[in-house]
Protein backbone atom coordinates (compact mmCIF):
# COMPACT_ATOMS: atom_id res chain seq x y z
CA UNK A 1 121.00 90.33 79.61
CA UNK A 2 118.34 92.68 80.39
CA UNK A 3 118.17 96.17 78.77
CA UNK A 4 116.21 99.45 79.17
CA UNK A 5 112.59 99.05 78.05
CA UNK A 6 112.38 95.28 79.06
CA UNK A 7 109.83 94.12 81.57
CA UNK A 8 111.35 93.46 84.91
CA UNK A 9 111.18 89.91 85.76
CA UNK A 10 108.58 89.13 88.45
CA UNK A 11 109.92 87.54 91.76
CA UNK A 12 109.01 86.77 95.15
CA UNK A 13 111.74 86.47 97.94
CA UNK A 14 112.13 86.55 101.81
CA UNK A 15 113.75 89.53 103.32
CA UNK A 16 116.26 89.51 106.11
CA UNK A 17 113.29 89.25 108.57
CA UNK A 18 111.93 86.30 106.60
CA UNK A 19 108.89 88.42 105.32
CA UNK A 20 108.09 87.47 101.62
CA UNK A 21 108.28 90.32 99.33
CA UNK A 22 107.19 90.46 95.54
CA UNK A 23 108.05 92.83 92.69
CA UNK A 24 104.43 93.86 92.33
CA UNK A 25 104.35 95.12 96.02
CA UNK A 26 107.68 96.89 95.62
CA UNK A 27 106.60 98.88 92.50
CA UNK A 28 103.04 99.73 93.53
CA UNK A 29 103.04 103.61 92.99
CA UNK A 30 106.78 103.93 93.36
CA UNK A 31 109.95 103.35 91.27
CA UNK A 32 112.51 100.70 92.59
CA UNK A 33 116.22 100.30 92.51
CA UNK A 34 117.33 96.65 92.66
CA UNK A 35 121.16 96.16 93.65
CA UNK A 36 122.32 92.69 92.94
CA UNK A 37 125.60 92.21 94.88
CA UNK A 38 127.88 89.31 95.53
CA UNK A 39 128.14 88.61 99.11
CA UNK A 40 127.15 90.16 102.59
CA UNK A 41 129.81 91.89 104.68
CA UNK A 42 132.45 92.03 102.15
CA UNK A 43 134.25 95.39 101.41
CA UNK A 44 132.73 96.39 98.04
CA UNK A 45 129.32 95.09 99.08
CA UNK A 46 129.55 97.07 102.43
CA UNK A 47 130.61 100.15 100.76
CA UNK A 48 127.72 100.07 98.28
CA UNK A 49 125.07 99.24 101.01
CA UNK A 50 126.28 102.08 103.24
CA UNK A 51 126.25 104.64 100.39
CA UNK A 52 122.76 103.67 99.43
CA UNK A 53 121.77 103.69 103.14
CA UNK A 54 123.12 107.26 103.46
CA UNK A 55 121.06 108.40 100.43
CA UNK A 56 117.87 106.44 101.13
CA UNK A 57 116.00 109.61 102.44
CA UNK A 58 116.75 111.26 99.04
CA UNK A 59 115.57 108.22 97.16
CA UNK A 60 112.39 108.18 99.18
CA UNK A 61 111.78 111.83 98.51
CA UNK A 62 112.10 110.80 94.64
CA UNK A 63 109.48 108.18 95.02
CA UNK A 64 111.86 105.36 94.82
CA UNK A 65 112.65 102.40 97.12
CA UNK A 66 115.79 100.48 97.22
CA UNK A 67 116.39 96.64 97.69
CA UNK A 68 119.57 94.56 97.79
CA UNK A 69 119.59 90.91 96.43
CA UNK A 70 122.32 88.29 96.77
CA UNK A 71 122.31 84.50 97.19
CA UNK A 72 123.03 84.85 100.96
CA UNK A 73 120.41 83.58 103.51
CA UNK A 74 117.95 85.56 105.33
CA UNK A 75 120.02 85.13 108.58
CA UNK A 76 123.27 86.52 106.92
CA UNK A 77 121.37 89.46 105.54
CA UNK A 78 120.01 90.15 109.04
CA UNK A 79 123.46 90.01 110.55
CA UNK A 80 124.86 92.24 107.93
CA UNK A 81 121.99 94.83 108.23
CA UNK A 82 122.44 94.84 112.03
CA UNK A 83 126.26 95.01 111.94
CA UNK A 84 126.38 98.21 109.75
CA UNK A 85 122.85 99.72 110.56
CA UNK A 86 121.73 99.35 106.99
CA UNK A 87 118.21 100.77 106.15
CA UNK A 88 118.20 99.06 102.57
CA UNK A 89 115.92 96.04 102.46
CA UNK A 90 117.86 92.85 101.70
CA UNK A 91 116.30 89.93 99.90
CA UNK A 92 117.50 86.40 99.83
CA UNK A 93 117.79 84.52 96.37
CA UNK A 94 119.28 81.39 97.80
CA UNK A 95 118.45 79.34 94.86
CA UNK A 96 119.57 81.93 92.26
CA UNK A 97 116.38 81.90 90.28
CA UNK A 98 115.99 85.71 90.33
CA UNK A 99 119.80 86.17 89.74
CA UNK A 100 119.32 84.02 86.49
CA UNK A 101 116.33 85.92 85.43
CA UNK A 102 118.07 89.19 85.56
CA UNK A 103 121.22 87.89 83.91
CA UNK A 104 123.52 88.71 86.85
CA UNK A 105 124.63 84.99 87.59
CA UNK A 106 127.64 84.81 85.19
CA UNK A 107 131.13 83.38 84.84
CA UNK A 108 133.62 85.61 86.54
CA UNK A 109 137.50 85.42 86.61
CA UNK A 110 139.60 86.31 89.47
CA UNK A 111 143.35 85.58 89.83
CA UNK A 112 143.18 83.55 86.64
CA UNK A 113 140.32 81.24 88.11
CA UNK A 114 136.96 81.03 86.59
CA UNK A 115 133.93 80.54 88.64
CA UNK A 116 130.23 81.46 88.79
CA UNK A 117 129.03 84.42 90.70
CA UNK A 118 126.78 87.44 90.84
CA UNK A 119 128.02 90.27 88.77
CA UNK A 120 127.27 93.59 90.74
CA UNK A 121 124.41 95.02 88.89
CA UNK A 122 121.68 97.56 89.34
CA UNK A 123 118.30 98.05 87.84
CA UNK A 124 116.12 101.06 87.92
CA UNK A 125 112.44 100.02 87.48
CA UNK A 126 109.45 102.37 87.18
CA UNK A 127 106.13 101.71 88.80
CA UNK A 128 104.83 100.30 85.58
CA UNK A 129 107.36 97.41 85.79
CA UNK A 130 109.62 98.63 83.08
CA UNK A 131 113.29 98.68 83.34
CA UNK A 132 114.70 102.17 82.62
CA UNK A 133 118.24 101.47 83.47
CA UNK A 134 120.28 98.08 83.53
CA UNK A 135 123.75 98.66 84.63
CA UNK A 136 126.16 95.54 84.77
CA UNK A 137 129.45 95.15 86.30
CA UNK A 138 129.18 98.07 88.74
CA UNK A 139 132.05 99.46 90.70
CA UNK A 140 130.56 100.21 94.12
CA UNK A 141 132.24 103.57 95.12
CA UNK A 142 130.00 106.54 94.29
CA UNK A 143 127.49 104.21 92.62
CA UNK A 144 124.55 105.11 94.80
CA UNK A 145 125.03 108.88 93.99
CA UNK A 146 125.13 108.09 90.23
CA UNK A 147 121.95 106.03 90.62
CA UNK A 148 120.25 108.77 92.48
CA UNK A 149 120.95 111.04 89.50
CA UNK A 150 119.24 108.50 87.15
CA UNK A 151 116.32 108.42 89.42
CA UNK A 152 115.87 112.11 89.34
CA UNK A 153 115.88 112.13 85.65
CA UNK A 154 113.23 109.54 85.12
C-alpha cells in the first residue's frame, strides 16, 4: 500500500465523456484528491460523491481538484454523474491497473463471503506528484469535509 511521501503512480484514464486524462495534467500547478470507490450509484458511493460535489468550490479555492476512480465504464460514470448532478470528474479504470498501482484492489469480506473489490480509499497529492495523505478503508459520511481540512493544512 502507498504511504505519505511516496510518488503517486502515473496513470492515463478516460473520464465519463471518454476524454483521456493523465495524472500529470491533473497535478499541473494544483493539488489533487483521488477518491477510489467501489461502484457507481450505490448508497455509500453516492453519499461520498455528493459530499465532494457540495464542497467542490471550497476545494477549488484551496487550489485542489477532485477525481473519483472506479472500475465502472465511462457510460456508467456518465449516467451516475447525470442522475445526481455530480461535478466531480469520474475516471474509468475498467482493467483495474490503476487500482492495483494504488493498492486499493483488495480481498474484502461481506456476510462471510470473500471476494476482490475496491477498498474505498483517498489520496491527497501535491502538484509535485507526492502523496501527502493515503487513507484506506474510508467511511463515506463526512469524509469530504475531513479531506478538505487535510487540504487546508498542506
